Amino acid sequence: MSSPGTVTGKLRAAFSHCVQQVRSYDYHHYLCLLELQPETRKAAFALRAFNVETSRAMDVASDPRIGLMRLVWWQEVIDKVYSNKLVEHPTVTALSSVVSRNKVTKAWLKRSVEARINDARREVADMPEDMEELEKYAEDTASTILYATLQLAGITSTAADHAASHIGKASGLLLLLRSLPYHANHNRHSIYIPRKVASKHGLLVEKSGQVEVRLDSREALCEAVFEMASVANAHLEKARGLAGTVPAEARRVLLPAVPAQVILDTLKEVQFDVFDPRLGWGVLGVPPLVYQVRLKWNAWRGNF
């Protein structure tokens, strides 16, 4: 049997691991979480670290099958966490502690992993059919983390949930656009441009009997990116339209709207060319100090 000191030390190390994971691989959200109240911040880092683990599973795997196995493992882990079963993994240790102390709906975490599993299982030519399908993927993987964070903060508000839905969709869509060059260069099975959008802008080409998205027509690609970014912008506007009805204590949880807006502003600056190197500068295309000041200003004003 472990002594109380050993258990406490192990838990402290687990939460420290989560903070470092988010700082290393999701820096813009790391800075958002620093604006939360201390009692919420610690648990929120465990949720974000879980999201980092699942979002990177396919990218860090040497073989797609290994990445898929890792995602299935995380799916099983969620069941074990909610059954109080021990799993030797720092992020799982922290997540188990959060779930045992806070009301966090299991369905949000399951939905997030299942969306990534379904995405990983898609065939090469099986791109999203339309924007609605891509929006659902964004909500399943991004909005769910915001829903869970609102819950662990003890916030019950329909308006906050609706705002979280829109912010998650906007954030998910914009991050997919920003990562498009990465997926293209690493020969990922999926280019996240819906078939209908790609067809509309002349980006579909038949290759080896399969229909694929061509990225060599920069002008057409920029037009497609603009159309998708416009959908994300509409979600941000809808979220902010709810600001007057969102409780004050929920607004810092919804600060991820700020990095989403930063990506959108940077895309506008580069005329929606996702291959423009400026998108990779600093934090989401802006100097780190500018990003931090913008985030602090919104947090202080109670905006998102």
C-alpha atoms as a PDB file:
ATOM      1  CA  MET A   1       0.000   0.000   0.000  1.00  0.00           C
ATOM      2  CA  SER A   2       1.340   3.437  -0.924  1.00  0.00           C
ATOM      3  CA  SER A   3       1.775   6.004   1.824  1.00  0.00           C
ATOM      4  CA  PRO A   4      -0.298   9.237   1.672  1.00  0.00           C
ATOM      5  CA  GLY A   5       2.889  11.154   0.921  1.00  0.00           C
ATOM      6  CA  THR A   6       3.689   8.911  -2.023  1.00  0.00           C
ATOM      7  CA  VAL A   7       0.170   9.249  -3.412  1.00  0.00           C
ATOM      8  CA  THR A   8       0.247  13.040  -3.030  1.00  0.00           C
ATOM      9  CA  GLY A   9       3.645  13.252  -4.710  1.00  0.00           C
ATOM     10  CA  LYS A  10       2.496  11.059  -7.570  1.00  0.00           C
ATOM     11  CA  LEU A  11      -0.601  13.188  -8.088  1.00  0.00           C
ATOM     12  CA  ARG A  12       1.418  16.397  -7.983  1.00  0.00           C
ATOM     13  CA  ALA A  13       3.797  14.979 -10.602  1.00  0.00           C
ATOM     14  CA  ALA A  14       0.830  13.940 -12.760  1.00  0.00           C
ATOM     15  CA  PHE A  15      -0.654  17.440 -12.772  1.00  0.00           C
ATOM     16  CA  SER A  16       2.773  18.935 -13.448  1.00  0.00           C
ATOM     17  CA  HIS A  17       3.079  16.597 -16.431  1.00  0.00           C
ATOM     18  CA  CYS A  18      -0.288  17.813 -17.732  1.00  0.00           C
ATOM     19  CA  VAL A  19       0.770  21.447 -17.486  1.00  0.00           C
ATOM     20  CA  GLN A  20       3.981  20.725 -19.414  1.00  0.00           C
ATOM     21  CA  GLN A  21       2.102  18.763 -22.080  1.00  0.00           C
ATOM     22  CA  VAL A  22      -0.292  21.621 -22.724  1.00  0.00           C
ATOM     23  CA  ARG A  23       2.497  24.196 -22.631  1.00  0.00           C
ATOM     24  CA  SER A  24       4.582  22.233 -25.133  1.00  0.00           C
ATOM     25  CA  TYR A  25       1.894  21.223 -27.633  1.00  0.00           C
ATOM     26  CA  ASP A  26      -1.045  23.607 -27.130  1.00  0.00           C
ATOM     27  CA  TYR A  27       0.620  26.847 -26.040  1.00  0.00           C
ATOM     28  CA  HIS A  28      -2.181  29.206 -27.019  1.00  0.00           C
ATOM     29  CA  HIS A  29      -4.618  27.284 -24.828  1.00  0.00           C
ATOM     30  CA  TYR A  30      -1.984  26.999 -22.085  1.00  0.00           C
ATOM     31  CA  LEU A  31      -2.043  30.801 -21.835  1.00  0.00           C
ATOM     32  CA  CYS A  32      -5.866  30.753 -21.801  1.00  0.00           C
ATOM     33  CA  LEU A  33      -5.900  28.333 -18.868  1.00  0.00           C
ATOM     34  CA  LEU A  34      -3.587  30.558 -16.848  1.00  0.00           C
ATOM     35  CA  GLU A  35      -6.449  33.083 -16.726  1.00  0.00           C
ATOM     36  CA  LEU A  36      -8.784  30.660 -14.943  1.00  0.00           C
ATOM     37  CA  GLN A  37      -9.439  30.673 -11.212  1.00  0.00           C
ATOM     38  CA  PRO A  38      -6.854  28.472  -9.394  1.00  0.00           C
ATOM     39  CA  GLU A  39      -9.422  25.886  -8.300  1.00  0.00           C
ATOM     40  CA  THR A  40     -10.557  25.441 -11.908  1.00  0.00           C
ATOM     41  CA  ARG A  41      -7.188  25.875 -13.617  1.00  0.00           C
ATOM     42  CA  LYS A  42      -5.576  22.720 -12.234  1.00  0.00           C
ATOM     43  CA  ALA A  43      -8.417  20.457 -13.341  1.00  0.00           C
ATOM     44  CA  ALA A  44      -8.678  22.222 -16.705  1.00  0.00           C
ATOM     45  CA  PHE A  45      -5.050  21.392 -17.438  1.00  0.00           C
ATOM     46  CA  ALA A  46      -5.857  17.686 -16.999  1.00  0.00           C
ATOM     47  CA  LEU A  47      -8.684  17.975 -19.552  1.00  0.00           C
ATOM     48  CA  ARG A  48      -6.481  19.841 -22.028  1.00  0.00           C
ATOM     49  CA  ALA A  49      -3.657  17.337 -21.570  1.00  0.00           C
ATOM     50  CA  PHE A  50      -6.113  14.541 -22.355  1.00  0.00           C
ATOM     51  CA  ASN A  51      -7.042  16.463 -25.515  1.00  0.00           C
ATOM     52  CA  VAL A  52      -3.354  16.856 -26.421  1.00  0.00           C
ATOM     53  CA  GLU A  53      -2.796  13.109 -26.032  1.00  0.00           C
ATOM     54  CA  THR A  54      -5.700  12.162 -28.287  1.00  0.00           C
ATOM     55  CA  SER A  55      -5.188  14.914 -30.877  1.00  0.00           C
ATOM     56  CA  ARG A  56      -1.528  13.919 -31.364  1.00  0.00           C
ATOM     57  CA  ALA A  57      -2.047  10.146 -31.354  1.00  0.00           C
ATOM     58  CA  MET A  58      -2.070   9.798 -35.147  1.00  0.00           C
ATOM     59  CA  ASP A  59       0.668  12.351 -35.774  1.00  0.00           C
ATOM     60  CA  VAL A  60       3.276  10.810 -33.454  1.00  0.00           C
ATOM     61  CA  ALA A  61       2.641   7.212 -34.516  1.00  0.00           C
ATOM     62  CA  SER A  62       5.094   5.630 -36.939  1.00  0.00           C
ATOM     63  CA  ASP A  63       2.225   3.631 -38.420  1.00  0.00           C
ATOM     64  CA  PRO A  64      -1.446   4.757 -38.684  1.00  0.00           C
ATOM     65  CA  ARG A  65      -2.509   1.446 -37.195  1.00  0.00           C
ATOM     66  CA  ILE A  66      -0.469   2.179 -34.079  1.00  0.00           C
ATOM     67  CA  GLY A  67      -2.063   5.614 -33.814  1.00  0.00           C
ATOM     68  CA  LEU A  68      -5.523   4.077 -34.102  1.00  0.00           C
ATOM     69  CA  MET A  69      -4.650   1.506 -31.431  1.00  0.00           C
ATOM     70  CA  ARG A  70      -3.586   4.355 -29.172  1.00  0.00           C
ATOM     71  CA  LEU A  71      -6.908   6.123 -29.662  1.00  0.00           C
ATOM     72  CA  VAL A  72      -8.829   2.925 -28.915  1.00  0.00           C
ATOM     73  CA  TRP A  73      -6.699   2.596 -25.769  1.00  0.00           C
ATOM     74  CA  TRP A  74      -7.793   6.091 -24.687  1.00  0.00           C
ATOM     75  CA  GLN A  75     -11.397   5.148 -25.374  1.00  0.00           C
ATOM     76  CA  GLU A  76     -11.017   2.216 -22.993  1.00  0.00           C
ATOM     77  CA  VAL A  77      -9.176   4.399 -20.487  1.00  0.00           C
ATOM     78  CA  ILE A  78     -12.210   6.661 -20.101  1.00  0.00           C
ATOM     79  CA  ASP A  79     -14.310   3.672 -19.040  1.00  0.00           C
ATOM     80  CA  LYS A  80     -11.634   2.702 -16.513  1.00  0.00           C
ATOM     81  CA  VAL A  81     -11.403   6.255 -15.154  1.00  0.00           C
ATOM     82  CA  TYR A  82     -15.152   6.337 -14.500  1.00  0.00           C
ATOM     83  CA  SER A  83     -14.961   2.873 -12.934  1.00  0.00           C
ATOM     84  CA  ASN A  84     -12.183   3.988 -10.555  1.00  0.00           C
ATOM     85  CA  LYS A  85      -9.706   1.539 -12.088  1.00  0.00           C
ATOM     86  CA  LEU A  86      -6.014   2.320 -11.825  1.00  0.00           C
ATOM     87  CA  VAL A  87      -4.106   3.121 -15.021  1.00  0.00           C
ATOM     88  CA  GLU A  88      -0.393   3.905 -14.801  1.00  0.00           C
ATOM     89  CA  HIS A  89      -0.157   7.021 -16.934  1.00  0.00           C
ATOM     90  CA  PRO A  90       0.385  10.585 -15.636  1.00  0.00           C
ATOM     91  CA  THR A  91      -2.380  12.196 -17.688  1.00  0.00           C
ATOM     92  CA  VAL A  92      -4.799   9.422 -16.708  1.00  0.00           C
ATOM     93  CA  THR A  93      -3.813   9.806 -13.050  1.00  0.00           C
ATOM     94  CA  ALA A  94      -4.612  13.521 -13.152  1.00  0.00           C
ATOM     95  CA  LEU A  95      -7.812  12.955 -15.123  1.00  0.00           C
ATOM     96  CA  SER A  96      -8.967  10.304 -12.639  1.00  0.00           C
ATOM     97  CA  SER A  97      -8.453  12.758  -9.800  1.00  0.00           C
ATOM     98  CA  VAL A  98     -10.478  15.421 -11.641  1.00  0.00           C
ATOM     99  CA  VAL A  99     -13.350  13.039 -12.408  1.00  0.00           C
ATOM    100  CA  SER A 100     -13.482  11.789  -8.810  1.00  0.00           C
ATOM    101  CA  ARG A 101     -13.695  15.349  -7.439  1.00  0.00           C
ATOM    102  CA  ASN A 102     -15.796  17.089 -10.071  1.00  0.00           C
ATOM    103  CA  LYS A 103     -18.932  16.508 -12.080  1.00  0.00           C
ATOM    104  CA  VAL A 104     -17.636  15.884 -15.596  1.00  0.00           C
ATOM    105  CA  THR A 105     -19.971  14.127 -18.004  1.00  0.00           C
ATOM    106  CA  LYS A 106     -18.355  10.982 -19.353  1.00  0.00           C
ATOM    107  CA  ALA A 107     -20.086  11.444 -22.707  1.00  0.00           C
ATOM    108  CA  TRP A 108     -18.051  14.586 -23.497  1.00  0.00           C
ATOM    109  CA  LEU A 109     -14.749  12.707 -23.210  1.00  0.00           C
ATOM    110  CA  LYS A 110     -16.041   9.645 -25.043  1.00  0.00           C
ATOM    111  CA  ARG A 111     -17.434  11.774 -27.850  1.00  0.00           C
ATOM    112  CA  SER A 112     -14.080  13.486 -28.303  1.00  0.00           C
ATOM    113  CA  VAL A 113     -12.119  10.246 -28.649  1.00  0.00           C
ATOM    114  CA  GLU A 114     -14.736   8.524 -30.782  1.00  0.00           C
ATOM    115  CA  ALA A 115     -14.672  11.409 -33.262  1.00  0.00           C
ATOM    116  CA  ARG A 116     -10.900  11.021 -33.599  1.00  0.00           C
ATOM    117  CA  ILE A 117     -11.211   7.247 -33.980  1.00  0.00           C
ATOM    118  CA  ASN A 118     -13.788   7.630 -36.749  1.00  0.00           C
ATOM    119  CA  ASP A 119     -11.553  10.176 -38.450  1.00  0.00           C
ATOM    120  CA  ALA A 120      -8.542   7.856 -38.207  1.00  0.00           C
ATOM    121  CA  ARG A 121     -10.532   5.024 -39.784  1.00  0.00           C
ATOM    122  CA  ARG A 122     -11.550   7.032 -42.837  1.00  0.00           C
ATOM    123  CA  GLU A 123     -10.237   5.958 -46.199  1.00  0.00           C
ATOM    124  CA  VAL A 124      -7.854   8.167 -48.191  1.00  0.00           C
ATOM    125  CA  ALA A 125     -10.560   9.480 -50.525  1.00  0.00           C
ATOM    126  CA  ASP A 126     -13.226   9.667 -47.834  1.00  0.00           C
ATOM    127  CA  MET A 127     -13.056  13.417 -47.179  1.00  0.00           C
ATOM    128  CA  PRO A 128     -15.804  15.221 -45.249  1.00  0.00           C
ATOM    129  CA  GLU A 129     -18.835  15.633 -47.483  1.00  0.00           C
ATOM    130  CA  ASP A 130     -19.836  19.157 -46.475  1.00  0.00           C
ATOM    131  CA  MET A 131     -19.231  21.915 -43.921  1.00  0.00           C
ATOM    132  CA  GLU A 132     -21.890  20.484 -41.604  1.00  0.00           C
ATOM    133  CA  GLU A 133     -19.889  17.261 -41.272  1.00  0.00           C
ATOM    134  CA  LEU A 134     -16.697  19.171 -40.552  1.00  0.00           C
ATOM    135  CA  GLU A 135     -18.493  21.419 -38.044  1.00  0.00           C
ATOM    136  CA  LYS A 136     -19.702  18.326 -36.205  1.00  0.00           C
ATOM    137  CA  TYR A 137     -16.127  17.011 -36.035  1.00  0.00           C
ATOM    138  CA  ALA A 138     -14.984  20.382 -34.666  1.00  0.00           C
ATOM    139  CA  GLU A 139     -17.705  20.357 -32.032  1.00  0.00           C
ATOM    140  CA  ASP A 140     -16.996  16.752 -31.038  1.00  0.00           C
ATOM    141  CA  THR A 141     -13.277  17.425 -30.576  1.00  0.00           C
ATOM    142  CA  ALA A 142     -13.170  21.052 -29.400  1.00  0.00           C
ATOM    143  CA  SER A 143     -16.535  22.113 -27.967  1.00  0.00           C
ATOM    144  CA  THR A 144     -16.671  19.021 -25.765  1.00  0.00           C
ATOM    145  CA  ILE A 145     -13.542  20.132 -23.890  1.00  0.00           C
ATOM    146  CA  LEU A 146     -15.197  23.498 -23.216  1.00  0.00           C
ATOM    147  CA  TYR A 147     -18.414  21.797 -22.056  1.00  0.00           C
ATOM    148  CA  ALA A 148     -16.410  19.672 -19.626  1.00  0.00           C
ATOM    149  CA  THR A 149     -14.428  22.681 -18.374  1.00  0.00           C
ATOM    150  CA  LEU A 150     -17.638  24.608 -17.676  1.00  0.00           C
ATOM    151  CA  GLN A 151     -18.897  21.598 -15.733  1.00  0.00           C
ATOM    152  CA  LEU A 152     -15.816  21.214 -13.568  1.00  0.00           C
ATOM    153  CA  ALA A 153     -16.022  24.945 -12.825  1.00  0.00           C
ATOM    154  CA  GLY A 154     -19.527  24.312 -11.505  1.00  0.00           C
ATOM    155  CA  ILE A 155     -21.151  26.524 -14.159  1.00  0.00           C
ATOM    156  CA  THR A 156     -24.652  25.577 -15.249  1.00  0.00           C
ATOM    157  CA  SER A 157     -25.783  27.904 -18.003  1.00  0.00           C
ATOM    158  CA  THR A 158     -27.534  27.183 -21.281  1.00  0.00           C
ATOM    159  CA  ALA A 159     -26.140  30.416 -22.732  1.00  0.00           C
ATOM    160  CA  ALA A 160     -22.578  29.449 -21.760  1.00  0.00           C
ATOM    161  CA  ASP A 161     -23.053  25.999 -23.297  1.00  0.00           C
ATOM    162  CA  HIS A 162     -24.351  27.514 -26.530  1.00  0.00           C
ATOM    163  CA  ALA A 163     -21.420  29.939 -26.660  1.00  0.00           C
ATOM    164  CA  ALA A 164     -19.025  27.048 -25.987  1.00  0.00           C
ATOM    165  CA  SER A 165     -20.561  25.136 -28.880  1.00  0.00           C
ATOM    166  CA  HIS A 166     -19.951  27.990 -31.309  1.00  0.00           C
ATOM    167  CA  ILE A 167     -16.457  28.767 -29.987  1.00  0.00           C
ATOM    168  CA  GLY A 168     -15.438  25.112 -30.203  1.00  0.00           C
ATOM    169  CA  LYS A 169     -16.697  24.851 -33.773  1.00  0.00           C
ATOM    170  CA  ALA A 170     -14.864  28.033 -34.775  1.00  0.00           C
ATOM    171  CA  SER A 171     -11.667  26.990 -33.016  1.00  0.00           C
ATOM    172  CA  GLY A 172     -11.767  23.464 -34.432  1.00  0.00           C
ATOM    173  CA  LEU A 173     -12.336  24.670 -38.001  1.00  0.00           C
ATOM    174  CA  LEU A 174      -9.618  27.318 -37.852  1.00  0.00           C
ATOM    175  CA  LEU A 175      -7.040  24.974 -36.324  1.00  0.00           C
ATOM    176  CA  LEU A 176      -7.789  22.429 -39.067  1.00  0.00           C
ATOM    177  CA  LEU A 177      -7.220  25.135 -41.688  1.00  0.00           C
ATOM    178  CA  ARG A 178      -3.977  26.220 -40.045  1.00  0.00           C
ATOM    179  CA  SER A 179      -2.728  22.616 -39.947  1.00  0.00           C
ATOM    180  CA  LEU A 180      -3.613  21.929 -43.584  1.00  0.00           C
ATOM    181  CA  PRO A 181       0.022  22.333 -44.803  1.00  0.00           C
ATOM    182  CA  TYR A 182       1.199  19.960 -42.074  1.00  0.00           C
ATOM    183  CA  HIS A 183      -1.278  17.282 -43.105  1.00  0.00           C
ATOM    184  CA  ALA A 184      -0.391  17.776 -46.767  1.00  0.00           C
ATOM    185  CA  ASN A 185       3.373  17.575 -46.154  1.00  0.00           C
ATOM    186  CA  HIS A 186       3.118  14.551 -43.883  1.00  0.00           C
ATOM    187  CA  ASN A 187       0.897  12.675 -46.332  1.00  0.00           C
ATOM    188  CA  ARG A 188      -1.922  12.444 -43.801  1.00  0.00           C
ATOM    189  CA  HIS A 189      -4.861  10.438 -45.087  1.00  0.00           C
ATOM    190  CA  SER A 190      -7.202  13.383 -44.724  1.00  0.00           C
ATOM    191  CA  ILE A 191      -7.198  16.919 -46.055  1.00  0.00           C
ATOM    192  CA  TYR A 192      -9.880  18.718 -44.103  1.00  0.00           C
ATOM    193  CA  ILE A 193     -11.617  20.451 -46.985  1.00  0.00           C
ATOM    194  CA  PRO A 194     -15.177  19.194 -47.526  1.00  0.00           C
ATOM    195  CA  ARG A 195     -15.897  17.576 -50.879  1.00  0.00           C
ATOM    196  CA  LYS A 196     -18.589  20.138 -51.750  1.00  0.00           C
ATOM    197  CA  VAL A 197     -16.283  23.079 -50.992  1.00  0.00           C
ATOM    198  CA  ALA A 198     -13.385  21.528 -52.910  1.00  0.00           C
ATOM    199  CA  SER A 199     -15.618  20.787 -55.896  1.00  0.00           C
ATOM    200  CA  LYS A 200     -17.051  24.304 -55.920  1.00  0.00           C
ATOM    201  CA  HIS A 201     -13.561  25.801 -56.171  1.00  0.00           C
ATOM    202  CA  GLY A 202     -12.144  23.299 -58.672  1.00  0.00           C
ATOM    203  CA  LEU A 203      -9.863  21.531 -56.252  1.00  0.00           C
ATOM    204  CA  LEU A 204     -10.933  17.947 -56.958  1.00  0.00           C
ATOM    205  CA  VAL A 205      -8.846  15.755 -59.234  1.00  0.00           C
ATOM    206  CA  GLU A 206      -9.012  12.044 -60.065  1.00  0.00           C
ATOM    207  CA  LYS A 207      -5.773  10.237 -59.270  1.00  0.00           C
ATOM    208  CA  SER A 208      -5.229   6.481 -59.465  1.00  0.00           C
ATOM    209  CA  GLY A 209      -8.965   5.955 -59.657  1.00  0.00           C
ATOM    210  CA  GLN A 210      -9.611   8.055 -56.566  1.00  0.00           C
ATOM    211  CA  VAL A 211     -10.820  11.612 -56.157  1.00  0.00           C
ATOM    212  CA  GLU A 212      -8.382  13.785 -54.197  1.00  0.00           C
ATOM    213  CA  VAL A 213      -7.974  17.439 -53.269  1.00  0.00           C
ATOM    214  CA  ARG A 214      -5.314  19.262 -55.290  1.00  0.00           C
ATOM    215  CA  LEU A 215      -3.456  21.979 -53.430  1.00  0.00           C
ATOM    216  CA  ASP A 216      -1.301  23.353 -56.252  1.00  0.00           C
ATOM    217  CA  SER A 217      -3.857  25.955 -57.352  1.00  0.00           C
ATOM    218  CA  ARG A 218      -3.109  28.599 -54.738  1.00  0.00           C
ATOM    219  CA  GLU A 219      -5.861  31.015 -55.801  1.00  0.00           C
ATOM    220  CA  ALA A 220      -8.577  28.341 -55.735  1.00  0.00           C
ATOM    221  CA  LEU A 221      -7.296  27.037 -52.405  1.00  0.00           C
ATOM    222  CA  CYS A 222      -7.423  30.529 -50.896  1.00  0.00           C
ATOM    223  CA  GLU A 223     -11.031  30.870 -52.049  1.00  0.00           C
ATOM    224  CA  ALA A 224     -11.924  27.552 -50.400  1.00  0.00           C
ATOM    225  CA  VAL A 225     -10.137  28.544 -47.189  1.00  0.00           C
ATOM    226  CA  PHE A 226     -11.972  31.884 -47.212  1.00  0.00           C
ATOM    227  CA  GLU A 227     -15.315  30.090 -47.459  1.00  0.00           C
ATOM    228  CA  MET A 228     -14.462  27.794 -44.556  1.00  0.00           C
ATOM    229  CA  ALA A 229     -13.025  30.615 -42.455  1.00  0.00           C
ATOM    230  CA  SER A 230     -16.226  32.586 -43.028  1.00  0.00           C
ATOM    231  CA  VAL A 231     -18.198  29.763 -41.395  1.00  0.00           C
ATOM    232  CA  ALA A 232     -15.829  29.881 -38.406  1.00  0.00           C
ATOM    233  CA  ASN A 233     -16.232  33.656 -38.224  1.00  0.00           C
ATOM    234  CA  ALA A 234     -20.023  33.272 -38.156  1.00  0.00           C
ATOM    235  CA  HIS A 235     -19.697  30.943 -35.153  1.00  0.00           C
ATOM    236  CA  LEU A 236     -17.534  33.474 -33.300  1.00  0.00           C
ATOM    237  CA  GLU A 237     -20.087  36.189 -33.997  1.00  0.00           C
ATOM    238  CA  LYS A 238     -22.913  33.975 -32.711  1.00  0.00           C
ATOM    239  CA  ALA A 239     -20.923  33.204 -29.542  1.00  0.00           C
ATOM    240  CA  ARG A 240     -20.273  36.869 -28.872  1.00  0.00           C
ATOM    241  CA  GLY A 241     -23.906  37.643 -29.542  1.00  0.00           C
ATOM    242  CA  LEU A 242     -24.649  35.546 -26.449  1.00  0.00           C
ATOM    243  CA  ALA A 243     -22.123  37.404 -24.262  1.00  0.00           C
ATOM    244  CA  GLY A 244     -24.773  39.465 -22.465  1.00  0.00           C
ATOM    245  CA  THR A 245     -26.491  36.299 -21.183  1.00  0.00           C
ATOM    246  CA  VAL A 246     -23.335  34.336 -20.315  1.00  0.00           C
ATOM    247  CA  PRO A 247     -22.526  34.380 -16.557  1.00  0.00           C
ATOM    248  CA  ALA A 248     -19.423  36.378 -15.650  1.00  0.00           C
ATOM    249  CA  GLU A 249     -17.744  33.313 -14.127  1.00  0.00           C
ATOM    250  CA  ALA A 250     -18.032  31.445 -17.453  1.00  0.00           C
ATOM    251  CA  ARG A 251     -16.328  34.043 -19.594  1.00  0.00           C
ATOM    252  CA  ARG A 252     -12.765  33.063 -18.765  1.00  0.00           C
ATOM    253  CA  VAL A 253     -13.570  29.459 -19.640  1.00  0.00           C
ATOM    254  CA  LEU A 254     -14.625  30.771 -23.057  1.00  0.00           C
ATOM    255  CA  LEU A 255     -11.356  32.649 -23.685  1.00  0.00           C
ATOM    256  CA  PRO A 256     -10.380  30.135 -26.432  1.00  0.00           C
ATOM    257  CA  ALA A 257     -12.457  32.434 -28.639  1.00  0.00           C
ATOM    258  CA  VAL A 258      -9.442  34.784 -28.524  1.00  0.00           C
ATOM    259  CA  PRO A 259      -6.916  32.421 -30.185  1.00  0.00           C
ATOM    260  CA  ALA A 260      -9.601  31.500 -32.729  1.00  0.00           C
ATOM    261  CA  GLN A 261      -9.982  35.184 -33.574  1.00  0.00           C
ATOM    262  CA  VAL A 262      -6.195  35.564 -33.783  1.00  0.00           C
ATOM    263  CA  ILE A 263      -6.000  32.772 -36.374  1.00  0.00           C
ATOM    264  CA  LEU A 264      -8.844  34.354 -38.308  1.00  0.00           C
ATOM    265  CA  ASP A 265      -7.154  37.777 -38.266  1.00  0.00           C
ATOM    266  CA  THR A 266      -3.840  36.271 -39.402  1.00  0.00           C
ATOM    267  CA  LEU A 267      -5.582  34.408 -42.225  1.00  0.00           C
ATOM    268  CA  LYS A 268      -7.078  37.700 -43.386  1.00  0.00           C
ATOM    269  CA  GLU A 269      -3.633  39.314 -43.283  1.00  0.00           C
ATOM    270  CA  VAL A 270      -2.125  36.612 -45.510  1.00  0.00           C
ATOM    271  CA  GLN A 271      -5.199  36.661 -47.792  1.00  0.00           C
ATOM    272  CA  PHE A 272      -6.245  33.174 -46.657  1.00  0.00           C
ATOM    273  CA  ASP A 273      -3.085  31.520 -47.963  1.00  0.00           C
ATOM    274  CA  VAL A 274      -2.543  28.736 -45.426  1.00  0.00           C
ATOM    275  CA  PHE A 275       0.916  28.090 -46.870  1.00  0.00           C
ATOM    276  CA  ASP A 276       2.105  31.598 -45.988  1.00  0.00           C
ATOM    277  CA  PRO A 277       4.938  31.154 -43.431  1.00  0.00           C
ATOM    278  CA  ARG A 278       3.608  34.033 -41.338  1.00  0.00           C
ATOM    279  CA  LEU A 279       0.917  31.699 -39.997  1.00  0.00           C
ATOM    280  CA  GLY A 280       3.657  29.791 -38.183  1.00  0.00           C
ATOM    281  CA  TRP A 281       5.299  32.795 -36.538  1.00  0.00           C
ATOM    282  CA  GLY A 282       5.092  33.522 -32.822  1.00  0.00           C
ATOM    283  CA  VAL A 283       1.777  32.429 -31.334  1.00  0.00           C
ATOM    284  CA  LEU A 284      -0.698  31.697 -34.132  1.00  0.00           C
ATOM    285  CA  GLY A 285       0.989  34.234 -36.394  1.00  0.00           C
ATOM    286  CA  VAL A 286       1.401  37.141 -33.967  1.00  0.00           C
ATOM    287  CA  PRO A 287       4.283  38.050 -31.591  1.00  0.00           C
ATOM    288  CA  PRO A 288       3.936  36.273 -28.206  1.00  0.00           C
ATOM    289  CA  LEU A 289       3.675  39.562 -26.288  1.00  0.00           C
ATOM    290  CA  VAL A 290       0.899  40.807 -28.596  1.00  0.00           C
ATOM    291  CA  TYR A 291      -1.011  37.561 -28.079  1.00  0.00           C
ATOM    292  CA  GLN A 292      -0.613  37.679 -24.302  1.00  0.00           C
ATOM    293  CA  VAL A 293      -1.691  41.331 -24.076  1.00  0.00           C
ATOM    294  CA  ARG A 294      -4.742  40.609 -26.213  1.00  0.00           C
ATOM    295  CA  LEU A 295      -5.659  37.639 -24.036  1.00  0.00           C
ATOM    296  CA  LYS A 296      -5.119  39.578 -20.790  1.00  0.00           C
ATOM    297  CA  TRP A 297      -7.172  42.510 -22.077  1.00  0.00           C
ATOM    298  CA  ASN A 298     -10.116  40.267 -22.937  1.00  0.00           C
ATOM    299  CA  ALA A 299      -9.867  38.447 -19.602  1.00  0.00           C
ATOM    300  CA  TRP A 300      -9.782  41.741 -17.693  1.00  0.00           C
ATOM    301  CA  ARG A 301     -12.725  43.154 -19.643  1.00  0.00           C
ATOM    302  CA  GLY A 302     -14.740  39.966 -19.207  1.00  0.00           C
ATOM    303  CA  ASN A 303     -14.865  39.418 -22.968  1.00  0.00           C
ATOM    304  CA  PHE A 304     -14.268  36.320 -25.052  1.00  0.00           C
END
